[in-house]
Amino acid sequence: MKLNRLPFEIFKIINRYSLIKLHDSIVIGVSGGPDSVALLKILHTLNIVKDLKLHLIVAHLNHQLRGKDSSDDVRFVENLSRDLSLPFFSKNVNIQVLSDQTKSSIEETARRERYKFFMELSLKHNAISVATGHNADDNVETLLHRIIRGTGLLGLGGIPIKRSLKEDPPIQLIRPLLFTWRREIIAYLEREQFHYRIDKSNYETGYFRNRIRIELIPLLENRFNPNIKNTLIQLCQILNANNEYLSSEAEKILTDCTIESTSDSYSIDVNFLRKQPKVLQHVVLQKILNTMNVPLKEITYKHYTRILNEIIKMGKGRYFQFPGRLYSWYEHRILYFRKGALFKPYKPLISGTSIRIPGVTPIYPLGQIVSEIQDVRDFSLETFKKHKTEYEEAFDLQSIIMPLVVRSRKKGDTVSPLGMDGHKKLKDLFIDKKVPVNERDTIPVVAMSDHPIWVIGVCIDRRVKINPNTKKIVKLTFQKFS
């Protein structure tokens, strides 16, 4: 079977950008419109003609925005899937209600729910790709949309032909039709006599993106540049090449300046970052925010300026809230990022709480301490050190004077850390360990005779360490409240 021109061109794009491999499982988002129908037909055809052994899954989200038309779309895509002998899955979501609840636009809410549905199906069916029917016209509209609303270099690169949706397990979003114009897609469908649905809401100028397509682009073509769409696509290609280089350089910088990285926190060496070109500083920050799953479209140039300038100038003790439940602050030449609610210090545990040994001691609102006594013959210190977390410690029972008390730090507190001669003030210890000021009162301190013996997660005092004469061991475990 010989491929027609458009499927053949799409096959070349797939190979050039490594969008698909043999035996891939792919979720295809199909609305019923011309773009998604063409995508489905082309991938199905390529699968047969090129013997790609793909597992294609058809996904349709019913936005429930157009009454009977929306229901007819579902039936159309279901019948199309049946004709091609492909599995079909649909989901009904009231986008209008969700939009009102989240105070997001209809377009943004619909987009978010579509990808959420596609991800659910991908995980359920072990698909490694989600394919959508975005085309060259969509790319032009997106670019103009971003220019009008405000964007940076990455945004001017337009829609990427592929990008990661999830790292573990890896799932990527692919757009095989991205370099194909809508007129080519319509011509292909008409030539092959493939039916498709028309979404009448695409012609309603109440939607911002529709106004760009219906009013702005024709205006630019008629009065300024008849080749404006090709010109904008060329701009995307040039900037994508630049962005690839900047991204590569920023990745190297990020590796060198990262101090700590977790799922909900990040800290970097500001002095190293500020020595880099300004444009790369911005890309590094974008990479950090992307790693922390902060929606980049909500972060503006003003936010980046604030991060790089205002926070650092303000100095320690000042922190700022950003979109995506992100807050950031600068301290001791380190820039910190945290996700969650805006930080509010816990009230210090002024008088402290006696620890039940053995037993469980609640420390509201921080968590609880679980204590147990073990015979040294039943305890392997080496095994304990190898597997323990920072919230677990073991002490020599004979060296402990009861009661032990858990409290917040006090002014003048000192400790004699293991492996260090003499005493050290807790304040200096926190500075050495680079513990942020606004987190220091949240670190519980276990004290004996009002002298710290365990700064939880930081260090223990050498006076209570396990030694060759130890017979009984007290093991303490701090469990945070979630």
Protein backbone atom coordinates (compact mmCIF):
# COMPACT_ATOMS: atom_id res chain seq x y z
CA MET A 1 0.00 0.00 0.00
CA LYS A 2 1.46 3.35 -1.06
CA LEU A 3 1.30 6.31 1.30
CA ASN A 4 -0.36 9.53 0.18
CA ARG A 5 1.66 12.75 0.35
CA LEU A 6 0.56 13.99 3.78
CA PRO A 7 0.99 10.67 5.66
CA PHE A 8 4.39 10.32 3.96
CA GLU A 9 5.44 13.82 5.10
CA ILE A 10 4.22 13.11 8.64
CA PHE A 11 6.19 9.85 8.66
CA LYS A 12 9.34 11.82 7.80
CA ILE A 13 8.63 14.25 10.65
CA ILE A 14 8.12 11.36 13.06
CA ASN A 15 11.49 9.89 12.12
CA ARG A 16 13.33 13.22 12.09
CA TYR A 17 12.25 14.10 15.62
CA SER A 18 12.12 10.53 17.00
CA LEU A 19 8.48 10.90 18.00
CA ILE A 20 7.54 7.23 17.80
CA LYS A 21 9.29 3.88 18.11
CA LEU A 22 8.24 0.34 17.21
CA HIS A 23 5.74 -1.20 19.66
CA ASP A 24 4.92 2.14 21.34
CA SER A 25 1.60 2.53 23.14
CA ILE A 26 0.12 5.92 22.28
CA VAL A 27 -2.92 7.76 23.64
CA ILE A 28 -4.38 9.91 20.84
CA GLY A 29 -6.51 12.87 21.86
CA VAL A 30 -9.41 13.00 19.39
CA SER A 31 -12.02 15.75 19.65
CA GLY A 32 -13.72 14.84 16.37
CA GLY A 33 -12.47 17.98 14.62
CA PRO A 34 -10.41 17.87 11.40
CA ASP A 35 -6.97 18.04 13.04
CA SER A 36 -7.45 15.19 15.49
CA VAL A 37 -9.31 13.02 12.95
CA ALA A 38 -6.47 13.49 10.45
CA LEU A 39 -3.93 12.61 13.16
CA LEU A 40 -5.81 9.44 14.07
CA LYS A 41 -6.24 8.35 10.44
CA ILE A 42 -2.59 9.05 9.59
CA LEU A 43 -1.17 7.21 12.61
CA HIS A 44 -3.50 4.27 11.94
CA THR A 45 -2.41 4.19 8.29
CA LEU A 46 1.30 4.42 9.14
CA ASN A 47 0.90 1.67 11.71
CA ILE A 48 -0.43 -0.67 9.02
CA VAL A 49 1.72 0.35 6.05
CA LYS A 50 5.00 0.64 7.98
CA ASP A 51 4.20 -2.27 10.33
CA LEU A 52 5.08 -0.17 13.40
CA LYS A 53 3.22 -2.52 15.76
CA LEU A 54 1.83 0.44 17.68
CA HIS A 55 -0.89 0.13 20.31
CA LEU A 56 -3.17 3.10 19.58
CA ILE A 57 -5.70 4.25 22.19
CA VAL A 58 -8.37 6.84 21.34
CA ALA A 59 -9.24 9.35 24.08
CA HIS A 60 -12.09 11.90 24.00
CA LEU A 61 -12.98 14.37 26.74
CA ASN A 62 -16.56 15.64 26.65
CA HIS A 63 -16.39 19.24 27.89
CA GLN A 64 -20.21 19.41 28.18
CA LEU A 65 -20.16 22.95 26.83
CA ARG A 66 -22.33 22.54 23.72
CA GLY A 67 -25.25 20.37 24.80
CA LYS A 68 -26.34 17.89 22.13
CA ASP A 69 -23.37 18.77 19.90
CA SER A 70 -20.98 17.62 22.64
CA SER A 71 -22.85 14.31 22.97
CA ASP A 72 -22.79 13.87 19.19
CA ASP A 73 -19.01 14.41 19.22
CA VAL A 74 -18.62 11.53 21.67
CA ARG A 75 -20.66 9.18 19.47
CA PHE A 76 -18.79 10.27 16.35
CA VAL A 77 -15.35 9.56 17.84
CA GLU A 78 -16.58 6.29 19.35
CA ASN A 79 -17.89 5.13 15.94
CA LEU A 80 -14.67 6.23 14.26
CA SER A 81 -12.64 4.20 16.76
CA ARG A 82 -14.86 1.17 16.20
CA ASP A 83 -14.41 1.44 12.43
CA LEU A 84 -10.64 1.38 12.93
CA SER A 85 -10.87 -1.41 15.55
CA LEU A 86 -9.17 0.78 18.15
CA PRO A 87 -9.96 0.99 21.90
CA PHE A 88 -11.98 4.09 22.80
CA PHE A 89 -12.22 5.88 26.14
CA SER A 90 -14.23 8.98 27.00
CA LYS A 91 -14.85 11.07 30.08
CA ASN A 92 -17.48 13.70 30.88
CA VAL A 93 -16.30 16.85 32.66
CA ASN A 94 -18.41 19.95 33.26
CA ILE A 95 -15.83 22.53 32.23
CA GLN A 96 -18.09 25.51 32.91
CA VAL A 97 -18.59 24.49 36.55
CA LEU A 98 -14.88 23.81 37.05
CA SER A 99 -13.99 27.11 35.40
CA ASP A 100 -16.27 28.97 37.80
CA GLN A 101 -14.88 27.09 40.82
CA THR A 102 -11.21 27.64 39.95
CA LYS A 103 -11.71 31.13 38.48
CA SER A 104 -9.78 29.97 35.39
CA SER A 105 -10.79 30.66 31.81
CA ILE A 106 -12.85 28.10 29.91
CA GLU A 107 -9.91 27.50 27.56
CA GLU A 108 -7.37 26.94 30.34
CA THR A 109 -9.73 24.71 32.33
CA ALA A 110 -10.54 22.58 29.28
CA ARG A 111 -6.86 22.23 28.44
CA ARG A 112 -5.94 21.25 32.00
CA GLU A 113 -8.69 18.63 32.22
CA ARG A 114 -7.82 17.14 28.82
CA TYR A 115 -4.22 16.54 29.77
CA LYS A 116 -5.26 15.21 33.15
CA PHE A 117 -7.48 12.66 31.38
CA PHE A 118 -4.77 11.76 28.87
CA MET A 119 -2.31 11.18 31.71
CA GLU A 120 -4.77 8.95 33.56
CA LEU A 121 -5.20 6.78 30.46
CA SER A 122 -1.46 6.71 29.78
CA LEU A 123 -0.68 5.44 33.26
CA LYS A 124 -3.52 2.91 33.18
CA HIS A 125 -2.47 1.46 29.80
CA ASN A 126 1.32 1.90 30.11
CA ALA A 127 1.39 4.34 27.19
CA ILE A 128 4.64 6.25 26.75
CA SER A 129 3.23 9.00 24.52
CA VAL A 130 0.20 11.26 24.20
CA ALA A 131 -0.41 12.52 20.64
CA THR A 132 -2.42 15.65 19.88
CA GLY A 133 -3.41 17.28 16.58
CA HIS A 134 -1.77 20.68 17.00
CA ASN A 135 -0.79 22.10 13.61
CA ALA A 136 1.20 25.02 12.18
CA ASP A 137 -1.78 27.39 12.42
CA ASP A 138 -2.13 26.53 16.11
CA ASN A 139 1.52 27.41 16.54
CA VAL A 140 1.06 30.83 14.93
CA GLU A 141 -2.01 31.53 17.09
CA THR A 142 -0.16 30.45 20.22
CA LEU A 143 2.80 32.69 19.43
CA LEU A 144 0.59 35.74 18.88
CA HIS A 145 -1.37 34.90 22.04
CA ARG A 146 1.86 34.84 24.05
CA ILE A 147 3.19 38.06 22.53
CA ILE A 148 -0.03 39.88 23.39
CA ARG A 149 -0.19 38.50 26.93
CA GLY A 150 3.56 38.76 27.53
CA THR A 151 6.26 36.10 27.17
CA GLY A 152 10.00 35.46 27.14
CA LEU A 153 12.43 33.64 24.87
CA LEU A 154 11.04 30.21 25.67
CA GLY A 155 7.49 31.35 24.94
CA LEU A 156 8.56 32.85 21.61
CA GLY A 157 9.78 29.39 20.62
CA GLY A 158 6.12 28.45 20.14
CA ILE A 159 4.66 24.99 20.65
CA PRO A 160 7.33 22.27 21.00
CA ILE A 161 6.91 19.23 18.76
CA LYS A 162 7.50 17.05 21.80
CA ARG A 163 7.93 17.57 25.51
CA SER A 164 7.93 15.56 28.69
CA LEU A 165 4.63 15.19 30.54
CA LYS A 166 5.95 12.94 33.29
CA GLU A 167 9.42 11.76 34.30
CA ASP A 168 8.57 8.61 36.23
CA PRO A 169 7.23 6.68 34.42
CA PRO A 170 8.37 8.63 31.34
CA ILE A 171 5.46 9.93 29.24
CA GLN A 172 5.94 12.44 26.43
CA LEU A 173 3.56 14.65 24.52
CA ILE A 174 4.03 14.49 20.73
CA ARG A 175 2.54 16.66 17.97
CA PRO A 176 3.21 14.99 14.58
CA LEU A 177 1.11 17.56 12.65
CA LEU A 178 2.88 20.62 14.07
CA PHE A 179 4.53 21.57 10.75
CA THR A 180 1.36 20.98 8.70
CA TRP A 181 -0.98 23.85 7.83
CA ARG A 182 -4.70 23.51 8.49
CA ARG A 183 -5.51 23.91 4.80
CA GLU A 184 -3.33 20.86 4.04
CA ILE A 185 -5.18 18.85 6.67
CA ILE A 186 -8.60 19.80 5.29
CA ALA A 187 -7.47 19.00 1.73
CA TYR A 188 -6.24 15.57 2.88
CA LEU A 189 -9.53 14.75 4.62
CA GLU A 190 -11.63 15.85 1.66
CA ARG A 191 -9.48 13.95 -0.81
CA GLU A 192 -9.79 10.78 1.27
CA GLN A 193 -13.48 11.51 1.98
CA PHE A 194 -12.96 11.30 5.74
CA HIS A 195 -15.72 12.87 7.80
CA TYR A 196 -15.10 15.15 10.78
CA ARG A 197 -17.03 17.36 13.18
CA ILE A 198 -17.20 21.15 13.21
CA ASP A 199 -17.09 22.86 16.60
CA LYS A 200 -19.23 25.96 16.16
CA SER A 201 -17.67 27.53 19.27
CA ASN A 202 -14.43 27.88 17.26
CA TYR A 203 -16.13 30.72 15.40
CA GLU A 204 -17.32 32.59 18.49
CA THR A 205 -15.24 35.73 19.02
CA GLY A 206 -15.95 35.73 22.74
CA TYR A 207 -12.90 33.50 23.14
CA PHE A 208 -9.60 35.37 23.06
CA ARG A 209 -7.82 32.78 20.94
CA ASN A 210 -10.67 32.75 18.41
CA ARG A 211 -10.32 36.51 17.97
CA ILE A 212 -6.66 36.02 17.12
CA ARG A 213 -7.54 33.46 14.44
CA ILE A 214 -10.66 35.18 13.06
CA GLU A 215 -9.73 38.85 13.35
CA LEU A 216 -6.04 39.48 14.06
CA ILE A 217 -4.32 37.09 11.64
CA PRO A 218 -6.44 38.13 8.60
CA LEU A 219 -5.78 41.78 9.54
CA LEU A 220 -2.01 41.16 9.63
CA GLU A 221 -2.15 39.25 6.32
CA ASN A 222 -4.25 41.87 4.52
CA ARG A 223 -2.66 45.08 5.80
CA PHE A 224 0.90 44.26 6.89
CA ASN A 225 2.38 41.00 5.60
CA PRO A 226 0.55 38.40 3.46
CA ASN A 227 3.18 35.88 4.52
CA ILE A 228 2.91 36.65 8.24
CA LYS A 229 2.21 33.06 9.28
CA ASN A 230 5.35 31.72 7.62
CA THR A 231 7.32 34.62 9.07
CA LEU A 232 6.15 33.80 12.60
CA ILE A 233 6.91 30.10 12.15
CA GLN A 234 10.41 31.04 11.00
CA LEU A 235 10.78 33.15 14.14
CA CYS A 236 9.80 30.11 16.23
CA GLN A 237 12.41 27.96 14.49
CA ILE A 238 15.18 30.53 15.00
CA LEU A 239 14.34 30.99 18.66
CA ASN A 240 14.03 27.25 19.25
CA ALA A 241 17.60 26.83 18.01
CA ASN A 242 18.71 29.60 20.37
CA ASN A 243 16.70 28.14 23.23
CA GLU A 244 18.30 24.72 22.78
CA TYR A 245 21.72 26.29 23.28
CA LEU A 246 20.60 28.42 26.24
CA SER A 247 18.92 25.41 27.84
CA SER A 248 22.08 23.34 27.50
CA GLU A 249 24.24 26.08 29.04
CA ALA A 250 21.71 26.72 31.82
CA GLU A 251 21.70 23.02 32.68
CA LYS A 252 25.47 23.15 33.27
CA ILE A 253 25.11 26.25 35.45
CA LEU A 254 22.27 24.68 37.43
CA THR A 255 24.38 21.59 38.12
CA ASP A 256 27.21 23.77 39.44
CA CYS A 257 25.10 26.10 41.58
CA THR A 258 22.58 23.62 43.07
CA ILE A 259 23.09 23.02 46.77
CA GLU A 260 20.02 20.89 47.48
CA SER A 261 17.06 19.67 45.46
CA THR A 262 13.97 17.78 46.61
CA SER A 263 10.43 17.40 45.27
CA ASP A 264 9.21 20.53 47.09
CA SER A 265 12.37 22.54 47.76
CA TYR A 266 15.42 23.88 45.97
CA SER A 267 18.44 25.89 47.08
CA ILE A 268 21.18 27.42 44.95
CA ASP A 269 24.45 29.34 45.35
CA VAL A 270 23.48 32.89 44.41
CA ASN A 271 27.05 34.18 44.07
CA PHE A 272 27.77 31.62 41.35
CA LEU A 273 24.45 32.29 39.60
CA ARG A 274 24.92 36.08 39.55
CA LYS A 275 28.25 35.74 37.74
CA GLN A 276 26.40 34.27 34.74
CA PRO A 277 24.83 36.29 31.88
CA LYS A 278 21.40 37.66 32.78
CA VAL A 279 19.63 35.65 30.10
CA LEU A 280 21.05 32.42 31.49
CA GLN A 281 20.07 33.41 35.04
CA HIS A 282 16.46 33.57 33.87
CA VAL A 283 16.66 30.19 32.11
CA VAL A 284 18.18 28.62 35.24
CA LEU A 285 15.29 29.92 37.31
CA GLN A 286 12.81 28.60 34.75
CA LYS A 287 14.41 25.17 35.02
CA ILE A 288 14.14 25.25 38.81
CA LEU A 289 10.47 26.26 38.69
CA ASN A 290 9.77 23.62 36.05
CA THR A 291 11.44 20.97 38.21
CA MET A 292 9.17 22.03 41.08
CA ASN A 293 6.09 21.80 38.80
CA VAL A 294 5.32 25.51 39.12
CA PRO A 295 3.11 26.64 36.18
CA LEU A 296 5.53 28.78 34.16
CA LYS A 297 2.73 30.64 32.37
CA GLU A 298 1.84 32.23 35.72
CA ILE A 299 5.42 33.43 36.32
CA THR A 300 6.04 36.80 34.67
CA TYR A 301 9.19 38.77 33.89
CA LYS A 302 8.42 40.84 36.99
CA HIS A 303 8.59 37.68 39.11
CA TYR A 304 12.01 36.74 37.74
CA THR A 305 13.25 40.28 38.36
CA ARG A 306 12.00 40.12 41.92
CA ILE A 307 13.71 36.79 42.52
CA LEU A 308 17.04 37.93 41.11
CA ASN A 309 17.09 41.48 42.48
CA GLU A 310 14.63 42.35 45.20
CA ILE A 311 15.00 39.26 47.38
CA ILE A 312 18.77 39.46 47.37
CA LYS A 313 18.78 43.20 48.07
CA MET A 314 16.31 42.82 50.93
CA GLY A 315 18.60 40.30 52.65
CA LYS A 316 17.69 37.62 55.16
CA GLY A 317 14.38 37.43 56.91
CA ARG A 318 12.36 38.54 53.86
CA TYR A 319 10.49 36.06 51.75
CA PHE A 320 7.97 36.37 48.95
CA GLN A 321 5.02 34.35 47.69
CA PHE A 322 4.76 33.53 44.00
CA PRO A 323 2.11 31.74 41.90
CA GLY A 324 1.97 27.97 42.20
CA ARG A 325 2.16 28.11 46.04
CA LEU A 326 5.87 28.90 45.80
CA TYR A 327 7.80 31.10 48.17
CA SER A 328 11.42 32.14 48.06
CA TRP A 329 13.99 33.90 50.23
CA TYR A 330 17.70 34.76 50.29
CA GLU A 331 20.03 34.03 53.17
CA HIS A 332 23.78 33.48 53.63
CA ARG A 333 24.43 33.69 49.87
CA ILE A 334 21.83 30.97 49.26
CA LEU A 335 18.52 31.39 47.40
CA TYR A 336 15.82 29.08 48.73
CA PHE A 337 12.60 27.94 47.05
CA ARG A 338 9.83 26.08 48.85
CA LYS A 339 6.41 24.85 47.73
CA GLY A 340 3.42 24.91 50.05
CA ALA A 341 1.60 27.48 52.10
CA LEU A 342 3.40 30.71 52.94
CA PHE A 343 5.74 29.94 55.82
CA LYS A 344 4.47 30.78 59.28
CA PRO A 345 6.75 29.87 62.18
CA TYR A 346 5.41 27.56 64.86
CA LYS A 347 5.08 28.96 68.37
CA PRO A 348 8.12 27.90 70.41
CA LEU A 349 7.61 25.08 72.92
CA ILE A 350 8.58 27.41 75.76
CA SER A 351 8.42 25.10 78.80
CA GLY A 352 9.03 21.95 76.80
CA THR A 353 7.43 18.54 77.02
CA SER A 354 8.78 15.57 79.00
CA ILE A 355 9.52 12.55 76.82
CA ARG A 356 7.96 9.23 77.78
CA ILE A 357 10.67 6.55 77.83
CA PRO A 358 9.59 4.12 76.56
CA GLY A 359 6.46 5.44 74.85
CA VAL A 360 5.05 8.02 72.44
CA THR A 361 5.22 11.75 73.18
CA PRO A 362 3.08 14.13 71.06
CA ILE A 363 4.75 17.49 70.33
CA TYR A 364 1.95 19.60 68.92
CA PRO A 365 2.03 20.97 66.25
CA LEU A 366 5.32 19.49 65.02
CA GLY A 367 4.90 15.73 65.37
CA GLN A 368 5.70 13.07 67.94
CA ILE A 369 8.70 11.30 69.46
CA VAL A 370 8.68 7.51 69.73
CA SER A 371 11.15 6.12 72.28
CA GLU A 372 12.23 2.57 73.07
CA ILE A 373 14.87 0.87 75.20
CA GLN A 374 16.98 -1.96 73.78
CA ASP A 375 19.72 -4.21 75.12
CA VAL A 376 23.07 -3.51 73.45
CA ARG A 377 23.36 -7.24 72.61
CA ASP A 378 20.26 -6.92 70.41
CA PHE A 379 21.49 -3.77 68.69
CA SER A 380 24.00 -3.30 65.86
CA LEU A 381 25.33 0.26 65.80
CA GLU A 382 26.85 -0.20 62.34
CA THR A 383 23.55 -1.46 60.88
CA PHE A 384 21.69 1.38 62.61
CA LYS A 385 24.04 4.03 61.18
CA LYS A 386 23.72 2.53 57.71
CA HIS A 387 19.92 2.58 57.60
CA LYS A 388 18.84 5.36 59.97
CA THR A 389 17.25 8.61 58.84
CA GLU A 390 18.13 12.08 60.14
CA TYR A 391 15.12 11.79 62.45
CA GLU A 392 16.43 8.74 64.32
CA GLU A 393 19.17 8.58 66.97
CA ALA A 394 20.40 6.10 69.59
CA PHE A 395 21.87 7.09 72.99
CA ASP A 396 23.64 5.44 75.91
CA LEU A 397 20.97 5.00 78.61
CA GLN A 398 23.50 5.21 81.47
CA SER A 399 24.64 8.65 80.29
CA ILE A 400 21.11 10.06 80.35
CA ILE A 401 19.70 11.95 83.33
CA MET A 402 15.90 11.80 83.36
CA PRO A 403 13.66 13.44 82.46
CA LEU A 404 14.47 14.27 78.87
CA VAL A 405 12.55 17.27 77.56
CA VAL A 406 11.77 18.29 73.98
CA ARG A 407 11.52 22.03 73.31
CA SER A 408 12.43 24.77 70.87
CA ARG A 409 15.89 26.33 70.93
CA LYS A 410 16.70 28.91 73.58
CA LYS A 411 19.03 31.88 73.48
CA GLY A 412 22.50 30.74 74.56
CA ASP A 413 21.92 27.03 73.83
CA THR A 414 25.15 25.14 73.18
CA VAL A 415 25.94 21.59 72.12
CA SER A 416 29.08 19.42 71.86
CA PRO A 417 28.64 17.76 68.46
CA LEU A 418 30.18 14.35 67.76
CA GLY A 419 33.60 14.66 66.15
CA MET A 420 34.13 18.20 67.41
CA ASP A 421 36.07 19.52 70.40
CA GLY A 422 34.45 21.96 72.81
CA HIS A 423 31.00 23.50 72.64
CA LYS A 424 29.18 25.28 69.83
CA LYS A 425 26.29 27.69 70.02
CA LEU A 426 23.15 26.41 68.33
CA LYS A 427 22.95 29.69 66.43
CA ASP A 428 26.43 29.13 64.97
CA LEU A 429 25.65 25.49 64.27
CA PHE A 430 22.55 26.48 62.28
CA ILE A 431 24.60 28.99 60.32
CA ASP A 432 27.26 26.35 59.55
CA LYS A 433 24.58 23.87 58.47
CA LYS A 434 22.89 26.60 56.38
CA VAL A 435 19.54 26.12 58.16
CA PRO A 436 17.26 29.01 57.08
CA VAL A 437 16.40 31.49 59.84
CA ASN A 438 12.67 31.01 59.36
CA GLU A 439 13.00 27.24 59.93
CA ARG A 440 15.14 27.25 63.07
CA ASP A 441 12.27 27.50 65.55
CA THR A 442 10.60 24.51 63.90
CA ILE A 443 13.52 22.19 64.77
CA PRO A 444 12.80 20.33 68.03
CA VAL A 445 15.61 20.14 70.59
CA VAL A 446 15.87 17.23 73.04
CA ALA A 447 17.40 18.55 76.28
CA MET A 448 18.80 16.95 79.43
CA SER A 449 19.02 19.19 82.51
CA ASP A 450 18.07 21.99 80.09
CA HIS A 451 21.16 21.28 77.96
CA PRO A 452 20.60 20.14 74.33
CA ILE A 453 21.68 16.56 73.62
CA TRP A 454 19.92 16.13 70.27
CA VAL A 455 19.11 18.87 67.79
CA ILE A 456 16.77 16.77 65.71
CA GLY A 457 17.96 16.34 62.14
CA VAL A 458 21.19 18.24 62.88
CA CYS A 459 23.44 16.57 65.49
CA ILE A 460 23.68 14.82 68.90
CA ASP A 461 25.84 15.72 71.88
CA ARG A 462 28.90 13.50 72.34
CA ARG A 463 28.22 13.15 76.10
CA VAL A 464 25.35 10.71 75.40
CA LYS A 465 26.84 8.73 72.53
CA ILE A 466 26.98 4.92 72.57
CA ASN A 467 30.34 3.73 73.90
CA PRO A 468 32.13 0.40 74.64
CA ASN A 469 30.62 0.30 78.17
CA THR A 470 27.04 0.83 76.97
CA LYS A 471 24.63 -1.86 78.22
CA LYS A 472 21.23 -0.33 77.39
CA ILE A 473 20.27 1.90 74.49
CA VAL A 474 17.56 4.54 74.18
CA LYS A 475 16.38 4.92 70.62
CA LEU A 476 14.41 8.08 69.74
CA THR A 477 12.48 8.59 66.51
CA PHE A 478 10.90 11.90 65.54
CA GLN A 479 7.82 11.53 63.33
CA LYS A 480 6.54 14.69 61.64
CA PHE A 481 2.82 15.34 61.43
CA SER A 482 1.87 15.48 57.74
